[in-house]
C-alpha atoms as a PDB file:
ATOM      1  CA  MET A   1      14.848   3.976 -13.538  1.00  0.00           C
ATOM      2  CA  ALA A   2      14.393   3.203  -9.911  1.00  0.00           C
ATOM      3  CA  HIS A   3      11.796   5.067  -7.922  1.00  0.00           C
ATOM      4  CA  SER A   4      13.256   6.347  -4.683  1.00  0.00           C
ATOM      5  CA  PRO A   5      10.942   6.126  -1.677  1.00  0.00           C
ATOM      6  CA  MET A   6      10.256   9.227   0.377  1.00  0.00           C
ATOM      7  CA  SER A   7      12.426   9.596   3.415  1.00  0.00           C
ATOM      8  CA  PRO A   8      10.733   9.484   6.831  1.00  0.00           C
ATOM      9  CA  ALA A   9      11.484  13.185   7.367  1.00  0.00           C
ATOM     10  CA  THR A  10       9.779  14.149   4.091  1.00  0.00           C
ATOM     11  CA  ARG A  11       6.818  11.942   4.911  1.00  0.00           C
ATOM     12  CA  SER A  12       6.335  13.552   8.364  1.00  0.00           C
ATOM     13  CA  VAL A  13       6.545  17.056   6.840  1.00  0.00           C
ATOM     14  CA  SER A  14       3.795  16.053   4.401  1.00  0.00           C
ATOM     15  CA  TRP A  15       1.547  14.890   7.243  1.00  0.00           C
ATOM     16  CA  ILE A  16       2.251  18.031   9.263  1.00  0.00           C
ATOM     17  CA  THR A  17       1.402  20.233   6.263  1.00  0.00           C
ATOM     18  CA  LEU A  18      -1.776  18.275   5.634  1.00  0.00           C
ATOM     19  CA  GLY A  19      -2.751  18.532   9.302  1.00  0.00           C
ATOM     20  CA  ILE A  20      -2.173  22.286   9.395  1.00  0.00           C
ATOM     21  CA  ALA A  21      -4.204  22.761   6.201  1.00  0.00           C
ATOM     22  CA  LEU A  22      -7.030  20.675   7.658  1.00  0.00           C
ATOM     23  CA  VAL A  23      -7.063  22.666  10.921  1.00  0.00           C
ATOM     24  CA  VAL A  24      -7.132  25.958   8.993  1.00  0.00           C
ATOM     25  CA  MET A  25     -10.049  24.756   6.837  1.00  0.00           C
ATOM     26  CA  ILE A  26     -11.982  23.647   9.919  1.00  0.00           C
ATOM     27  CA  LEU A  27     -11.383  27.007  11.625  1.00  0.00           C
ATOM     28  CA  VAL A  28     -12.558  28.888   8.525  1.00  0.00           C
ATOM     29  CA  ALA A  29     -15.672  26.713   8.271  1.00  0.00           C
ATOM     30  CA  VAL A  30     -16.503  27.221  11.966  1.00  0.00           C
ATOM     31  CA  GLY A  31     -15.913  30.971  11.612  1.00  0.00           C
ATOM     32  CA  ILE A  32     -18.211  31.214   8.607  1.00  0.00           C
ATOM     33  CA  PHE A  33     -20.884  29.142  10.346  1.00  0.00           C
ATOM     34  CA  TYR A  34     -20.663  31.299  13.482  1.00  0.00           C
ATOM     35  CA  LEU A  35     -20.623  34.654  11.689  1.00  0.00           C
ATOM     36  CA  LYS A  36     -23.203  33.969   8.974  1.00  0.00           C
ATOM     37  CA  ASP A  37     -26.101  34.970  11.217  1.00  0.00           C
ATOM     38  CA  SER A  38     -24.399  38.089  12.557  1.00  0.00           C
ATOM     39  CA  PHE A  39     -24.278  39.876   9.194  1.00  0.00           C
ATOM     40  CA  PRO A  40     -27.457  41.773   8.371  1.00  0.00           C
ATOM     41  CA  THR A  41     -29.259  40.811   5.216  1.00  0.00           C
ATOM     42  CA  ASN A  42     -31.164  43.369   3.293  1.00  0.00           C
ATOM     43  CA  GLU A  43     -32.937  41.030   0.889  1.00  0.00           C
ATOM     44  CA  ASP A  44     -36.291  42.806   1.032  1.00  0.00           C
ATOM     45  CA  SER A  45     -34.870  46.125  -0.162  1.00  0.00           C
ATOM     46  CA  VAL A  46     -32.874  44.400  -2.917  1.00  0.00           C
ATOM     47  CA  ILE A  47     -35.973  42.575  -4.129  1.00  0.00           C
ATOM     48  CA  GLU A  48     -38.003  45.782  -3.972  1.00  0.00           C
ATOM     49  CA  ALA A  49     -35.366  47.680  -5.971  1.00  0.00           C
ATOM     50  CA  LEU A  50     -35.242  44.962  -8.599  1.00  0.00           C
ATOM     51  CA  GLU A  51     -39.028  44.900  -8.892  1.00  0.00           C
ATOM     52  CA  THR A  52     -39.202  48.657  -9.486  1.00  0.00           C
ATOM     53  CA  GLN A  53     -36.604  48.605 -12.262  1.00  0.00           C
ATOM     54  CA  ASN A  54     -37.763  48.530 -15.824  1.00  0.00           C
ATOM     55  CA  ASP A  55     -36.522  45.705 -18.037  1.00  0.00           C
ATOM     56  CA  SER A  56     -36.328  47.843 -21.161  1.00  0.00           C
ATOM     57  CA  THR A  57     -33.059  48.234 -23.052  1.00  0.00           C
ATOM     58  CA  GLU A  58     -33.864  51.757 -24.225  1.00  0.00           C
ATOM     59  CA  PRO A  59     -31.177  54.247 -23.114  1.00  0.00           C
ATOM     60  CA  ALA A  60     -33.744  56.719 -21.749  1.00  0.00           C
ATOM     61  CA  VAL A  61     -35.352  54.043 -19.568  1.00  0.00           C
ATOM     62  CA  ILE A  62     -31.972  52.870 -18.302  1.00  0.00           C
ATOM     63  CA  GLU A  63     -31.075  56.454 -17.370  1.00  0.00           C
ATOM     64  CA  GLU A  64     -34.366  56.744 -15.454  1.00  0.00           C
ATOM     65  CA  ASP A  65     -33.498  53.601 -13.503  1.00  0.00           C
ATOM     66  CA  LEU A  66     -30.055  54.989 -12.715  1.00  0.00           C
ATOM     67  CA  THR A  67     -31.430  58.320 -11.513  1.00  0.00           C
ATOM     68  CA  ALA A  68     -34.192  56.737  -9.425  1.00  0.00           C
ATOM     69  CA  GLN A  69     -31.868  56.868  -6.437  1.00  0.00           C
ATOM     70  CA  SER A  70     -29.543  59.780  -5.844  1.00  0.00           C
ATOM     71  CA  PRO A  71     -25.898  59.176  -4.997  1.00  0.00           C
ATOM     72  CA  ASP A  72     -26.528  60.795  -1.601  1.00  0.00           C
ATOM     73  CA  GLU A  73     -29.296  58.304  -0.827  1.00  0.00           C
ATOM     74  CA  PHE A  74     -27.024  55.465  -1.892  1.00  0.00           C
ATOM     75  CA  ASP A  75     -24.223  56.770   0.332  1.00  0.00           C
ATOM     76  CA  GLN A  76     -26.632  57.049   3.269  1.00  0.00           C
ATOM     77  CA  GLU A  77     -27.764  53.452   2.773  1.00  0.00           C
ATOM     78  CA  ILE A  78     -24.159  52.240   2.643  1.00  0.00           C
ATOM     79  CA  ASP A  79     -23.274  54.217   5.779  1.00  0.00           C
ATOM     80  CA  ALA A  80     -26.330  52.818   7.574  1.00  0.00           C
ATOM     81  CA  ALA A  81     -25.390  49.274   6.537  1.00  0.00           C
ATOM     82  CA  PHE A  82     -21.846  49.720   7.877  1.00  0.00           C
ATOM     83  CA  ALA A  83     -23.168  51.223  11.114  1.00  0.00           C
ATOM     84  CA  GLU A  84     -25.527  48.255  11.514  1.00  0.00           C
ATOM     85  CA  LEU A  85     -22.657  45.858  10.800  1.00  0.00           C
ATOM     86  CA  ASP A  86     -20.419  47.581  13.345  1.00  0.00           C
ATOM     87  CA  ALA A  87     -23.195  47.437  15.941  1.00  0.00           C
ATOM     88  CA  SER A  88     -23.803  43.736  15.350  1.00  0.00           C
ATOM     89  CA  LEU A  89     -20.090  42.945  15.605  1.00  0.00           C
ATOM     90  CA  ALA A  90     -19.789  44.928  18.841  1.00  0.00           C
ATOM     91  CA  GLU A  91     -22.353  42.693  20.555  1.00  0.00           C
END
């Protein structure tokens, strides 16, 4: 069984594909690095919400945790987060 070497055309296509993949990865990395500071983080409110939750496994306690915030309040927070995101992207 003889191993056939790659033709020059196949070899150049491989290098072109590798180059394109490398350029795409670099662009994605630069985009992530540039945009990471433009997205608002709401870590304080997440930490506060986690601290106020009970760690009990009793169904009644879990239901209390779930009803601590109304769906309307949750929707308002989501809408505010999207509005803040839109404002930061518009800058």
